[in-house]
Amino acid sequence: MKNIYISLMVLLLAGCAYTPAELQKQPPNFNATSNFTPNETAKCIARGVDDVDPAFASSVREGLKQGDYEVIARINNDAPTTAAMFLISPMNTGSKIVVHVSPSVITSKEHFVNSMTKNCMKI
């Protein structure tokens, strides 16, 4: 059932392409924290994105500031579409995560993010 739900959402997203830069121009959907370091948090979220459904793939890259990371969740189709972006930065203990979700995600954005990030962060 979960894969059908996600796949249906993927079909609805296919027509609306957003780049990571476009998502960052919009207000974030969520602010979250993690007890893990930024690097560990990025790896955890990337695993969650890759595991949630075969239609999704993650990429991890270093952020603009030293110690920051970005995780991009893309939908694998003919023209890969950015579904969400996670900006991760260090805090005194753990990490701060700013989450941008594509406006074309038609399901509950909180459910969408939680399905990819369970055990990685707290919204």
PDB file of N, CA and C in Angstrom:
ATOM      1  N   MET A   1       0.824  -1.191   0.000  1.00  0.00           N
ATOM      2  CA  MET A   1       0.000   0.000   0.000  1.00  0.00           C
ATOM      3  C   MET A   1       0.867   1.253   0.000  1.00  0.00           C
ATOM      4  N   LYS A   2       1.942   1.261   0.807  1.00  0.00           N
ATOM      5  CA  LYS A   2       2.801   2.436   0.883  1.00  0.00           C
ATOM      6  C   LYS A   2       3.407   2.748  -0.474  1.00  0.00           C
ATOM      7  N   ASN A   3       3.911   1.726  -1.191  1.00  0.00           N
ATOM      8  CA  ASN A   3       4.521   1.963  -2.490  1.00  0.00           C
ATOM      9  C   ASN A   3       3.514   2.475  -3.507  1.00  0.00           C
ATOM     10  N   ILE A   4       2.281   1.986  -3.440  1.00  0.00           N
ATOM     11  CA  ILE A   4       1.246   2.485  -4.345  1.00  0.00           C
ATOM     12  C   ILE A   4       0.985   3.954  -4.055  1.00  0.00           C
ATOM     13  N   TYR A   5       0.908   4.307  -2.788  1.00  0.00           N
ATOM     14  CA  TYR A   5       0.665   5.683  -2.362  1.00  0.00           C
ATOM     15  C   TYR A   5       1.783   6.592  -2.865  1.00  0.00           C
ATOM     16  N   ILE A   6       3.018   6.198  -2.639  1.00  0.00           N
ATOM     17  CA  ILE A   6       4.166   6.993  -3.073  1.00  0.00           C
ATOM     18  C   ILE A   6       4.206   7.062  -4.596  1.00  0.00           C
ATOM     19  N   SER A   7       3.990   5.949  -5.268  1.00  0.00           N
ATOM     20  CA  SER A   7       4.038   5.939  -6.726  1.00  0.00           C
ATOM     21  C   SER A   7       2.971   6.831  -7.337  1.00  0.00           C
ATOM     22  N   LEU A   8       1.781   6.846  -6.742  1.00  0.00           N
ATOM     23  CA  LEU A   8       0.732   7.733  -7.222  1.00  0.00           C
ATOM     24  C   LEU A   8       1.178   9.184  -7.095  1.00  0.00           C
ATOM     25  N   MET A   9       1.794   9.508  -5.970  1.00  0.00           N
ATOM     26  CA  MET A   9       2.296  10.860  -5.775  1.00  0.00           C
ATOM     27  C   MET A   9       3.357  11.187  -6.817  1.00  0.00           C
ATOM     28  N   VAL A  10       4.209  10.223  -7.142  1.00  0.00           N
ATOM     29  CA  VAL A  10       5.252  10.424  -8.139  1.00  0.00           C
ATOM     30  C   VAL A  10       4.637  10.764  -9.487  1.00  0.00           C
ATOM     31  N   LEU A  11       3.596  10.057  -9.862  1.00  0.00           N
ATOM     32  CA  LEU A  11       2.939  10.337 -11.134  1.00  0.00           C
ATOM     33  C   LEU A  11       2.395  11.752 -11.165  1.00  0.00           C
ATOM     34  N   LEU A  12       1.859  12.205 -10.052  1.00  0.00           N
ATOM     35  CA  LEU A  12       1.310  13.547 -10.005  1.00  0.00           C
ATOM     36  C   LEU A  12       2.400  14.607 -10.001  1.00  0.00           C
ATOM     37  N   LEU A  13       3.574  14.272  -9.508  1.00  0.00           N
ATOM     38  CA  LEU A  13       4.696  15.212  -9.485  1.00  0.00           C
ATOM     39  C   LEU A  13       5.395  15.321 -10.830  1.00  0.00           C
ATOM     40  N   ALA A  14       5.271  14.324 -11.661  1.00  0.00           N
ATOM     41  CA  ALA A  14       6.084  14.232 -12.874  1.00  0.00           C
ATOM     42  C   ALA A  14       5.998  15.462 -13.756  1.00  0.00           C
ATOM     43  N   GLY A  15       4.874  16.159 -13.765  1.00  0.00           N
ATOM     44  CA  GLY A  15       4.732  17.305 -14.640  1.00  0.00           C
ATOM     45  C   GLY A  15       5.316  18.591 -14.093  1.00  0.00           C
ATOM     46  N   CYS A  16       5.703  18.656 -12.841  1.00  0.00           N
ATOM     47  CA  CYS A  16       6.167  19.893 -12.208  1.00  0.00           C
ATOM     48  C   CYS A  16       7.603  19.734 -11.745  1.00  0.00           C
ATOM     49  N   ALA A  17       8.528  20.352 -12.427  1.00  0.00           N
ATOM     50  CA  ALA A  17       9.941  20.205 -12.084  1.00  0.00           C
ATOM     51  C   ALA A  17      10.429  21.406 -11.285  1.00  0.00           C
ATOM     52  N   TYR A  18      11.071  21.130 -10.166  1.00  0.00           N
ATOM     53  CA  TYR A  18      11.687  22.157  -9.343  1.00  0.00           C
ATOM     54  C   TYR A  18      13.156  21.812  -9.155  1.00  0.00           C
ATOM     55  N   THR A  19      13.999  22.821  -9.164  1.00  0.00           N
ATOM     56  CA  THR A  19      15.417  22.620  -8.891  1.00  0.00           C
ATOM     57  C   THR A  19      15.661  22.889  -7.409  1.00  0.00           C
ATOM     58  N   PRO A  20      16.772  22.414  -6.868  1.00  0.00           N
ATOM     59  CA  PRO A  20      17.081  22.737  -5.471  1.00  0.00           C
ATOM     60  C   PRO A  20      17.131  24.250  -5.225  1.00  0.00           C
ATOM     61  N   ALA A  21      17.688  25.003  -6.165  1.00  0.00           N
ATOM     62  CA  ALA A  21      17.767  26.458  -6.002  1.00  0.00           C
ATOM     63  C   ALA A  21      16.374  27.089  -5.927  1.00  0.00           C
ATOM     64  N   GLU A  22      15.441  26.581  -6.726  1.00  0.00           N
ATOM     65  CA  GLU A  22      14.068  27.101  -6.692  1.00  0.00           C
ATOM     66  C   GLU A  22      13.393  26.786  -5.360  1.00  0.00           C
ATOM     67  N   LEU A  23      13.646  25.585  -4.843  1.00  0.00           N
ATOM     68  CA  LEU A  23      13.050  25.224  -3.550  1.00  0.00           C
ATOM     69  C   LEU A  23      13.580  26.101  -2.431  1.00  0.00           C
ATOM     70  N   GLN A  24      14.867  26.429  -2.477  1.00  0.00           N
ATOM     71  CA  GLN A  24      15.467  27.243  -1.411  1.00  0.00           C
ATOM     72  C   GLN A  24      14.926  28.668  -1.398  1.00  0.00           C
ATOM     73  N   LYS A  25      14.387  29.131  -2.513  1.00  0.00           N
ATOM     74  CA  LYS A  25      13.823  30.486  -2.569  1.00  0.00           C
ATOM     75  C   LYS A  25      12.492  30.574  -1.828  1.00  0.00           C
ATOM     76  N   GLN A  26      11.875  29.434  -1.577  1.00  0.00           N
ATOM     77  CA  GLN A  26      10.594  29.399  -0.885  1.00  0.00           C
ATOM     78  C   GLN A  26      10.819  29.265   0.621  1.00  0.00           C
ATOM     79  N   PRO A  27       9.854  29.712   1.415  1.00  0.00           N
ATOM     80  CA  PRO A  27       9.994  29.505   2.869  1.00  0.00           C
ATOM     81  C   PRO A  27      10.073  28.018   3.179  1.00  0.00           C
ATOM     82  N   PRO A  28      10.854  27.648   4.197  1.00  0.00           N
ATOM     83  CA  PRO A  28      10.938  26.219   4.544  1.00  0.00           C
ATOM     84  C   PRO A  28       9.602  25.695   5.051  1.00  0.00           C
ATOM     85  N   ASN A  29       9.383  24.403   4.804  1.00  0.00           N
ATOM     86  CA  ASN A  29       8.175  23.753   5.301  1.00  0.00           C
ATOM     87  C   ASN A  29       8.321  23.321   6.751  1.00  0.00           C
ATOM     88  N   PHE A  30       9.549  22.922   7.130  1.00  0.00           N
ATOM     89  CA  PHE A  30       9.785  22.430   8.478  1.00  0.00           C
ATOM     90  C   PHE A  30      11.179  22.835   8.930  1.00  0.00           C
ATOM     91  N   ASN A  31      11.320  23.007  10.243  1.00  0.00           N
ATOM     92  CA  ASN A  31      12.617  23.110  10.899  1.00  0.00           C
ATOM     93  C   ASN A  31      12.673  21.948  11.861  1.00  0.00           C
ATOM     94  N   ALA A  32      13.795  21.271  11.887  1.00  0.00           N
ATOM     95  CA  ALA A  32      13.908  20.074  12.713  1.00  0.00           C
ATOM     96  C   ALA A  32      15.286  20.033  13.359  1.00  0.00           C
ATOM     97  N   THR A  33      15.449  19.090  14.273  1.00  0.00           N
ATOM     98  CA  THR A  33      16.741  18.867  14.912  1.00  0.00           C
ATOM     99  C   THR A  33      17.063  17.382  14.897  1.00  0.00           C
ATOM    100  N   SER A  34      18.334  17.096  15.090  1.00  0.00           N
ATOM    101  CA  SER A  34      18.802  15.724  15.167  1.00  0.00           C
ATOM    102  C   SER A  34      19.886  15.651  16.226  1.00  0.00           C
ATOM    103  N   ASN A  35      20.000  14.514  16.876  1.00  0.00           N
ATOM    104  CA  ASN A  35      21.080  14.299  17.840  1.00  0.00           C
ATOM    105  C   ASN A  35      22.378  13.894  17.158  1.00  0.00           C
ATOM    106  N   PHE A  36      22.307  13.596  15.865  1.00  0.00           N
ATOM    107  CA  PHE A  36      23.487  13.175  15.107  1.00  0.00           C
ATOM    108  C   PHE A  36      24.266  14.380  14.600  1.00  0.00           C
ATOM    109  N   THR A  37      25.525  14.159  14.243  1.00  0.00           N
ATOM    110  CA  THR A  37      26.318  15.201  13.593  1.00  0.00           C
ATOM    111  C   THR A  37      25.700  15.493  12.218  1.00  0.00           C
ATOM    112  N   PRO A  38      26.034  16.629  11.608  1.00  0.00           N
ATOM    113  CA  PRO A  38      25.493  16.901  10.272  1.00  0.00           C
ATOM    114  C   PRO A  38      25.807  15.811   9.242  1.00  0.00           C
ATOM    115  N   ASN A  39      27.009  15.294   9.270  1.00  0.00           N
ATOM    116  CA  ASN A  39      27.389  14.235   8.328  1.00  0.00           C
ATOM    117  C   ASN A  39      26.550  12.977   8.562  1.00  0.00           C
ATOM    118  N   GLU A  40      26.403  12.573   9.820  1.00  0.00           N
ATOM    119  CA  GLU A  40      25.597  11.388  10.148  1.00  0.00           C
ATOM    120  C   GLU A  40      24.119  11.614   9.808  1.00  0.00           C
ATOM    121  N   THR A  41      23.629  12.817  10.067  1.00  0.00           N
ATOM    122  CA  THR A  41      22.237  13.146   9.747  1.00  0.00           C
ATOM    123  C   THR A  41      22.006  13.069   8.246  1.00  0.00           C
ATOM    124  N   ALA A  42      22.933  13.632   7.473  1.00  0.00           N
ATOM    125  CA  ALA A  42      22.809  13.602   6.009  1.00  0.00           C
ATOM    126  C   ALA A  42      22.781  12.167   5.498  1.00  0.00           C
ATOM    127  N   LYS A  43      23.655  11.327   6.015  1.00  0.00           N
ATOM    128  CA  LYS A  43      23.694   9.927   5.584  1.00  0.00           C
ATOM    129  C   LYS A  43      22.407   9.200   5.969  1.00  0.00           C
ATOM    130  N   CYS A  44      21.889   9.478   7.161  1.00  0.00           N
ATOM    131  CA  CYS A  44      20.661   8.840   7.630  1.00  0.00           C
ATOM    132  C   CYS A  44      19.475   9.237   6.744  1.00  0.00           C
ATOM    133  N   ILE A  45      19.352  10.524   6.458  1.00  0.00           N
ATOM    134  CA  ILE A  45      18.251  10.988   5.605  1.00  0.00           C
ATOM    135  C   ILE A  45      18.391  10.401   4.204  1.00  0.00           C
ATOM    136  N   ALA A  46      19.607  10.385   3.670  1.00  0.00           N
ATOM    137  CA  ALA A  46      19.821   9.824   2.327  1.00  0.00           C
ATOM    138  C   ALA A  46      19.400   8.359   2.264  1.00  0.00           C
ATOM    139  N   ARG A  47      19.740   7.575   3.296  1.00  0.00           N
ATOM    140  CA  ARG A  47      19.305   6.172   3.338  1.00  0.00           C
ATOM    141  C   ARG A  47      17.781   6.085   3.358  1.00  0.00           C
ATOM    142  N   GLY A  48      17.146   6.949   4.138  1.00  0.00           N
ATOM    143  CA  GLY A  48      15.694   6.947   4.220  1.00  0.00           C
ATOM    144  C   GLY A  48      15.030   7.280   2.893  1.00  0.00           C
ATOM    145  N   VAL A  49      15.595   8.252   2.182  1.00  0.00           N
ATOM    146  CA  VAL A  49      15.061   8.618   0.863  1.00  0.00           C
ATOM    147  C   VAL A  49      15.179   7.429  -0.084  1.00  0.00           C
ATOM    148  N   ASP A  50      16.350   6.812  -0.104  1.00  0.00           N
ATOM    149  CA  ASP A  50      16.589   5.690  -1.018  1.00  0.00           C
ATOM    150  C   ASP A  50      15.725   4.474  -0.676  1.00  0.00           C
ATOM    151  N   ASP A  51      15.392   4.309   0.606  1.00  0.00           N
ATOM    152  CA  ASP A  51      14.635   3.136   1.046  1.00  0.00           C
ATOM    153  C   ASP A  51      13.124   3.307   0.969  1.00  0.00           C
ATOM    154  N   VAL A  52      12.625   4.542   0.911  1.00  0.00           N
ATOM    155  CA  VAL A  52      11.187   4.766   1.000  1.00  0.00           C
ATOM    156  C   VAL A  52      10.435   4.191  -0.196  1.00  0.00           C
ATOM    157  N   ASP A  53      11.030   4.275  -1.382  1.00  0.00           N
ATOM    158  CA  ASP A  53      10.354   3.799  -2.593  1.00  0.00           C
ATOM    159  C   ASP A  53      11.390   3.777  -3.710  1.00  0.00           C
ATOM    160  N   PRO A  54      11.336   2.786  -4.607  1.00  0.00           N
ATOM    161  CA  PRO A  54      12.309   2.729  -5.709  1.00  0.00           C
ATOM    162  C   PRO A  54      12.255   3.939  -6.634  1.00  0.00           C
ATOM    163  N   ALA A  55      11.176   4.698  -6.583  1.00  0.00           N
ATOM    164  CA  ALA A  55      11.053   5.876  -7.448  1.00  0.00           C
ATOM    165  C   ALA A  55      11.927   7.037  -6.978  1.00  0.00           C
ATOM    166  N   PHE A  56      12.447   6.971  -5.754  1.00  0.00           N
ATOM    167  CA  PHE A  56      13.228   8.068  -5.198  1.00  0.00           C
ATOM    168  C   PHE A  56      14.713   7.739  -5.146  1.00  0.00           C
ATOM    169  N   ALA A  57      15.518   8.785  -5.268  1.00  0.00           N
ATOM    170  CA  ALA A  57      16.970   8.665  -5.108  1.00  0.00           C
ATOM    171  C   ALA A  57      17.466   9.910  -4.384  1.00  0.00           C
ATOM    172  N   SER A  58      18.513   9.736  -3.613  1.00  0.00           N
ATOM    173  CA  SER A  58      19.082  10.863  -2.869  1.00  0.00           C
ATOM    174  C   SER A  58      20.449  11.226  -3.412  1.00  0.00           C
ATOM    175  N   SER A  59      20.826  12.452  -3.155  1.00  0.00           N
ATOM    176  CA  SER A  59      22.209  12.869  -3.368  1.00  0.00           C
ATOM    177  C   SER A  59      22.596  13.728  -2.177  1.00  0.00           C
ATOM    178  N   VAL A  60      23.830  13.559  -1.745  1.00  0.00           N
ATOM    179  CA  VAL A  60      24.353  14.305  -0.602  1.00  0.00           C
ATOM    180  C   VAL A  60      25.530  15.133  -1.095  1.00  0.00           C
ATOM    181  N   ARG A  61      25.541  16.381  -0.681  1.00  0.00           N
ATOM    182  CA  ARG A  61      26.677  17.244  -1.033  1.00  0.00           C
ATOM    183  C   ARG A  61      26.970  18.156   0.139  1.00  0.00           C
ATOM    184  N   GLU A  62      28.201  18.657   0.176  1.00  0.00           N
ATOM    185  CA  GLU A  62      28.565  19.601   1.219  1.00  0.00           C
ATOM    186  C   GLU A  62      27.853  20.917   0.966  1.00  0.00           C
ATOM    187  N   GLY A  63      27.474  21.591   2.041  1.00  0.00           N
ATOM    188  CA  GLY A  63      26.789  22.874   1.930  1.00  0.00           C
ATOM    189  C   GLY A  63      27.764  24.009   1.669  1.00  0.00           C
ATOM    190  N   LEU A  64      27.236  25.214   1.660  1.00  0.00           N
ATOM    191  CA  LEU A  64      28.063  26.381   1.381  1.00  0.00           C
ATOM    192  C   LEU A  64      29.035  26.687   2.515  1.00  0.00           C
ATOM    193  N   LYS A  65      28.608  26.463   3.746  1.00  0.00           N
ATOM    194  CA  LYS A  65      29.476  26.696   4.899  1.00  0.00           C
ATOM    195  C   LYS A  65      30.136  25.391   5.313  1.00  0.00           C
ATOM    196  N   GLN A  66      31.337  25.499   5.867  1.00  0.00           N
ATOM    197  CA  GLN A  66      32.035  24.304   6.328  1.00  0.00           C
ATOM    198  C   GLN A  66      31.208  23.614   7.415  1.00  0.00           C
ATOM    199  N   GLY A  67      31.033  22.308   7.283  1.00  0.00           N
ATOM    200  CA  GLY A  67      30.273  21.517   8.239  1.00  0.00           C
ATOM    201  C   GLY A  67      28.814  21.349   7.863  1.00  0.00           C
ATOM    202  N   ASP A  68      28.347  22.099   6.857  1.00  0.00           N
ATOM    203  CA  ASP A  68      26.960  21.976   6.398  1.00  0.00           C
ATOM    204  C   ASP A  68      26.846  20.900   5.327  1.00  0.00           C
ATOM    205  N   TYR A  69      25.671  20.304   5.240  1.00  0.00           N
ATOM    206  CA  TYR A  69      25.381  19.298   4.208  1.00  0.00           C
ATOM    207  C   TYR A  69      24.012  19.560   3.621  1.00  0.00           C
ATOM    208  N   GLU A  70      23.811  19.088   2.405  1.00  0.00           N
ATOM    209  CA  GLU A  70      22.524  19.154   1.736  1.00  0.00           C
ATOM    210  C   GLU A  70      22.172  17.752   1.249  1.00  0.00           C
ATOM    211  N   VAL A  71      20.931  17.355   1.479  1.00  0.00           N
ATOM    212  CA  VAL A  71      20.416  16.103   0.936  1.00  0.00           C
ATOM    213  C   VAL A  71      19.273  16.474   0.003  1.00  0.00           C
ATOM    214  N   ILE A  72      19.355  15.985  -1.215  1.00  0.00           N
ATOM    215  CA  ILE A  72      18.314  16.258  -2.201  1.00  0.00           C
ATOM    216  C   ILE A  72      17.596  14.953  -2.502  1.00  0.00           C
ATOM    217  N   ALA A  73      16.279  14.981  -2.359  1.00  0.00           N
ATOM    218  CA  ALA A  73      15.441  13.820  -2.684  1.00  0.00           C
ATOM    219  C   ALA A  73      14.837  14.060  -4.058  1.00  0.00           C
ATOM    220  N   ARG A  74      15.193  13.190  -4.996  1.00  0.00           N
ATOM    221  CA  ARG A  74      14.703  13.339  -6.371  1.00  0.00           C
ATOM    222  C   ARG A  74      13.828  12.160  -6.751  1.00  0.00           C
ATOM    223  N   ILE A  75      12.923  12.442  -7.659  1.00  0.00           N
ATOM    224  CA  ILE A  75      12.105  11.396  -8.245  1.00  0.00           C
ATOM    225  C   ILE A  75      12.797  10.965  -9.523  1.00  0.00           C
ATOM    226  N   ASN A  76      13.041   9.668  -9.645  1.00  0.00           N
ATOM    227  CA  ASN A  76      13.680   9.137 -10.844  1.00  0.00           C
ATOM    228  C   ASN A  76      12.641   8.980 -11.943  1.00  0.00           C
ATOM    229  N   ASN A  77      12.690   9.852 -12.909  1.00  0.00           N
ATOM    230  CA  ASN A  77      11.857   9.709 -14.100  1.00  0.00           C
ATOM    231  C   ASN A  77      12.667  10.247 -15.284  1.00  0.00           C
ATOM    232  N   ASP A  78      12.047  10.438 -16.407  1.00  0.00           N
ATOM    233  CA  ASP A  78      12.793  10.897 -17.582  1.00  0.00           C
ATOM    234  C   ASP A  78      13.499  12.224 -17.329  1.00  0.00           C
ATOM    235  N   ALA A  79      12.882  13.104 -16.582  1.00  0.00           N
ATOM    236  CA  ALA A  79      13.491  14.373 -16.189  1.00  0.00           C
ATOM    237  C   ALA A  79      13.453  14.426 -14.664  1.00  0.00           C
ATOM    238  N   PRO A  80      14.535  13.996 -13.990  1.00  0.00           N
ATOM    239  CA  PRO A  80      14.526  13.933 -12.525  1.00  0.00           C
ATOM    240  C   PRO A  80      14.013  15.237 -11.898  1.00  0.00           C
ATOM    241  N   THR A  81      13.123  15.085 -10.937  1.00  0.00           N
ATOM    242  CA  THR A  81      12.464  16.205 -10.284  1.00  0.00           C
ATOM    243  C   THR A  81      12.848  16.235  -8.816  1.00  0.00           C
ATOM    244  N   THR A  82      13.180  17.411  -8.306  1.00  0.00           N
ATOM    245  CA  THR A  82      13.490  17.553  -6.891  1.00  0.00           C
ATOM    246  C   THR A  82      12.187  17.570  -6.105  1.00  0.00           C
ATOM    247  N   ALA A  83      12.038  16.607  -5.200  1.00  0.00           N
ATOM    248  CA  ALA A  83      10.840  16.517  -4.372  1.00  0.00           C
ATOM    249  C   ALA A  83      11.034  17.216  -3.028  1.00  0.00           C
ATOM    250  N   ALA A  84      12.258  17.163  -2.499  1.00  0.00           N
ATOM    251  CA  ALA A  84      12.542  17.788  -1.209  1.00  0.00           C
ATOM    252  C   ALA A  84      14.031  18.056  -1.080  1.00  0.00           C
ATOM    253  N   MET A  85      14.341  19.002  -0.220  1.00  0.00           N
ATOM    254  CA  MET A  85      15.740  19.337   0.047  1.00  0.00           C
ATOM    255  C   MET A  85      15.887  19.540   1.544  1.00  0.00           C
ATOM    256  N   PHE A  86      16.938  18.956   2.104  1.00  0.00           N
ATOM    257  CA  PHE A  86      17.224  19.029   3.528  1.00  0.00           C
ATOM    258  C   PHE A  86      18.555  19.765   3.699  1.00  0.00           C
ATOM    259  N   LEU A  87      18.534  20.911   4.365  1.00  0.00           N
ATOM    260  CA  LEU A  87      19.745  21.685   4.627  1.00  0.00           C
ATOM    261  C   LEU A  87      20.139  21.439   6.073  1.00  0.00           C
ATOM    262  N   ILE A  88      21.327  20.897   6.273  1.00  0.00           N
ATOM    263  CA  ILE A  88      21.745  20.416   7.588  1.00  0.00           C
ATOM    264  C   ILE A  88      22.966  21.207   8.047  1.00  0.00           C
ATOM    265  N   SER A  89      22.892  21.754   9.256  1.00  0.00           N
ATOM    266  CA  SER A  89      24.016  22.520   9.797  1.00  0.00           C
ATOM    267  C   SER A  89      24.262  22.113  11.245  1.00  0.00           C
ATOM    268  N   PRO A  90      25.502  22.303  11.712  1.00  0.00           N
ATOM    269  CA  PRO A  90      25.828  21.895  13.082  1.00  0.00           C
ATOM    270  C   PRO A  90      25.205  22.820  14.128  1.00  0.00           C
ATOM    271  N   MET A  91      24.881  22.208  15.271  1.00  0.00           N
ATOM    272  CA  MET A  91      24.467  22.943  16.469  1.00  0.00           C
ATOM    273  C   MET A  91      25.442  22.527  17.575  1.00  0.00           C
ATOM    274  N   ASN A  92      25.283  23.109  18.755  1.00  0.00           N
ATOM    275  CA  ASN A  92      26.153  22.732  19.875  1.00  0.00           C
ATOM    276  C   ASN A  92      26.134  21.227  20.096  1.00  0.00           C
ATOM    277  N   THR A  93      24.947  20.652  20.102  1.00  0.00           N
ATOM    278  CA  THR A  93      24.805  19.202  20.197  1.00  0.00           C
ATOM    279  C   THR A  93      23.882  18.757  19.079  1.00  0.00           C
ATOM    280  N   GLY A  94      24.397  18.072  18.107  1.00  0.00           N
ATOM    281  CA  GLY A  94      23.575  17.564  17.013  1.00  0.00           C
ATOM    282  C   GLY A  94      23.521  18.492  15.822  1.00  0.00           C
ATOM    283  N   SER A  95      22.370  18.495  15.166  1.00  0.00           N
ATOM    284  CA  SER A  95      22.221  19.218  13.908  1.00  0.00           C
ATOM    285  C   SER A  95      20.880  19.932  13.832  1.00  0.00           C
ATOM    286  N   LYS A  96      20.886  21.007  13.061  1.00  0.00           N
ATOM    287  CA  LYS A  96      19.661  21.715  12.708  1.00  0.00           C
ATOM    288  C   LYS A  96      19.357  21.359  11.261  1.00  0.00           C
ATOM    289  N   ILE A  97      18.091  21.070  10.970  1.00  0.00           N
ATOM    290  CA  ILE A  97      17.686  20.692   9.612  1.00  0.00           C
ATOM    291  C   ILE A  97      16.574  21.626   9.162  1.00  0.00           C
ATOM    292  N   VAL A  98      16.761  22.225   8.001  1.00  0.00           N
ATOM    293  CA  VAL A  98      15.731  23.042   7.370  1.00  0.00           C
ATOM    294  C   VAL A  98      15.247  22.242   6.169  1.00  0.00           C
ATOM    295  N   VAL A  99      13.937  22.024   6.096  1.00  0.00           N
ATOM    296  CA  VAL A  99      13.360  21.153   5.065  1.00  0.00           C
ATOM    297  C   VAL A  99      12.494  21.980   4.114  1.00  0.00           C
ATOM    298  N   HIS A 100      12.804  21.858   2.828  1.00  0.00           N
ATOM    299  CA  HIS A 100      12.003  22.471   1.773  1.00  0.00           C
ATOM    300  C   HIS A 100      11.376  21.333   0.971  1.00  0.00           C
ATOM    301  N   VAL A 101      10.055  21.347   0.840  1.00  0.00           N
ATOM    302  CA  VAL A 101       9.337  20.326   0.075  1.00  0.00           C
ATOM    303  C   VAL A 101       8.733  20.994  -1.150  1.00  0.00           C
ATOM    304  N   SER A 102       8.834  20.328  -2.270  1.00  0.00           N
ATOM    305  CA  SER A 102       8.277  20.863  -3.514  1.00  0.00           C
ATOM    306  C   SER A 102       6.798  21.180  -3.356  1.00  0.00           C
ATOM    307  N   PRO A 103       6.355  22.327  -3.862  1.00  0.00           N
ATOM    308  CA  PRO A 103       4.927  22.659  -3.799  1.00  0.00           C
ATOM    309  C   PRO A 103       4.053  21.651  -4.535  1.00  0.00           C
ATOM    310  N   SER A 104       4.629  20.898  -5.448  1.00  0.00           N
ATOM    311  CA  SER A 104       3.825  19.946  -6.208  1.00  0.00           C
ATOM    312  C   SER A 104       3.603  18.625  -5.468  1.00  0.00           C
ATOM    313  N   VAL A 105       4.180  18.471  -4.278  1.00  0.00           N
ATOM    314  CA  VAL A 105       3.878  17.287  -3.462  1.00  0.00           C
ATOM    315  C   VAL A 105       2.462  17.469  -2.939  1.00  0.00           C
ATOM    316  N   ILE A 106       1.570  16.607  -3.383  1.00  0.00           N
ATOM    317  CA  ILE A 106       0.150  16.807  -3.086  1.00  0.00           C
ATOM    318  C   ILE A 106      -0.309  16.104  -1.820  1.00  0.00           C
ATOM    319  N   THR A 107       0.493  15.223  -1.302  1.00  0.00           N
ATOM    320  CA  THR A 107       0.131  14.528  -0.082  1.00  0.00           C
ATOM    321  C   THR A 107       0.526  15.389   1.115  1.00  0.00           C
ATOM    322  N   SER A 108       0.251  14.942   2.311  1.00  0.00           N
ATOM    323  CA  SER A 108       0.681  15.652   3.509  1.00  0.00           C
ATOM    324  C   SER A 108       2.199  15.788   3.495  1.00  0.00           C
ATOM    325  N   LYS A 109       2.669  17.006   3.520  1.00  0.00           N
ATOM    326  CA  LYS A 109       4.118  17.234   3.472  1.00  0.00           C
ATOM    327  C   LYS A 109       4.805  16.638   4.703  1.00  0.00           C
ATOM    328  N   GLU A 110       4.148  16.715   5.860  1.00  0.00           N
ATOM    329  CA  GLU A 110       4.726  16.134   7.070  1.00  0.00           C
ATOM    330  C   GLU A 110       4.850  14.620   6.946  1.00  0.00           C
ATOM    331  N   HIS A 111       3.814  13.963   6.442  1.00  0.00           N
ATOM    332  CA  HIS A 111       3.882  12.512   6.242  1.00  0.00           C
ATOM    333  C   HIS A 111       4.963  12.160   5.219  1.00  0.00           C
ATOM    334  N   PHE A 112       5.041  12.935   4.152  1.00  0.00           N
ATOM    335  CA  PHE A 112       6.043  12.726   3.105  1.00  0.00           C
ATOM    336  C   PHE A 112       7.458  12.793   3.685  1.00  0.00           C
ATOM    337  N   VAL A 113       7.726  13.835   4.474  1.00  0.00           N
ATOM    338  CA  VAL A 113       9.058  14.001   5.073  1.00  0.00           C
ATOM    339  C   VAL A 113       9.318  12.919   6.118  1.00  0.00           C
ATOM    340  N   ASN A 114       8.330  12.637   6.962  1.00  0.00           N
ATOM    341  CA  ASN A 114       8.519  11.612   8.002  1.00  0.00           C
ATOM    342  C   ASN A 114       8.794  10.237   7.415  1.00  0.00           C
ATOM    343  N   SER A 115       8.197   9.923   6.268  1.00  0.00           N
ATOM    344  CA  SER A 115       8.429   8.614   5.668  1.00  0.00           C
ATOM    345  C   SER A 115       9.880   8.448   5.225  1.00  0.00           C
ATOM    346  N   MET A 116      10.563   9.551   4.950  1.00  0.00           N
ATOM    347  CA  MET A 116      11.965   9.496   4.515  1.00  0.00           C
ATOM    348  C   MET A 116      12.956   9.666   5.660  1.00  0.00           C
ATOM    349  N   THR A 117      12.526  10.240   6.761  1.00  0.00           N
ATOM    350  CA  THR A 117      13.489  10.643   7.783  1.00  0.00           C
ATOM    351  C   THR A 117      13.306   9.966   9.140  1.00  0.00           C
ATOM    352  N   LYS A 118      12.466   8.946   9.209  1.00  0.00           N
ATOM    353  CA  LYS A 118      12.247   8.309  10.506  1.00  0.00           C
ATOM    354  C   LYS A 118      13.582   7.908  11.108  1.00  0.00           C
ATOM    355  N   ASN A 119      13.710   8.120  12.395  1.00  0.00           N
ATOM    356  CA  ASN A 119      14.928   7.817  13.171  1.00  0.00           C
ATOM    357  C   ASN A 119      16.089   8.786  12.894  1.00  0.00           C
ATOM    358  N   CYS A 120      15.888   9.808  12.060  1.00  0.00           N
ATOM    359  CA  CYS A 120      16.976  10.732  11.749  1.00  0.00           C
ATOM    360  C   CYS A 120      16.793  12.096  12.400  1.00  0.00           C
ATOM    361  N   MET A 121      15.548  12.539  12.530  1.00  0.00           N
ATOM    362  CA  MET A 121      15.317  13.892  13.007  1.00  0.00           C
ATOM    363  C   MET A 121      13.957  14.012  13.675  1.00  0.00           C
ATOM    364  N   LYS A 122      13.775  15.127  14.389  1.00  0.00           N
ATOM    365  CA  LYS A 122      12.515  15.422  15.053  1.00  0.00           C
ATOM    366  C   LYS A 122      11.966  16.717  14.489  1.00  0.00           C
ATOM    367  N   ILE A 123      10.730  16.659  13.945  1.00  0.00           N
ATOM    368  CA  ILE A 123      10.089  17.876  13.426  1.00  0.00           C
ATOM    369  C   ILE A 123       9.406  18.589  14.569  1.00  0.00           C
TER     370      ILE A 123
END
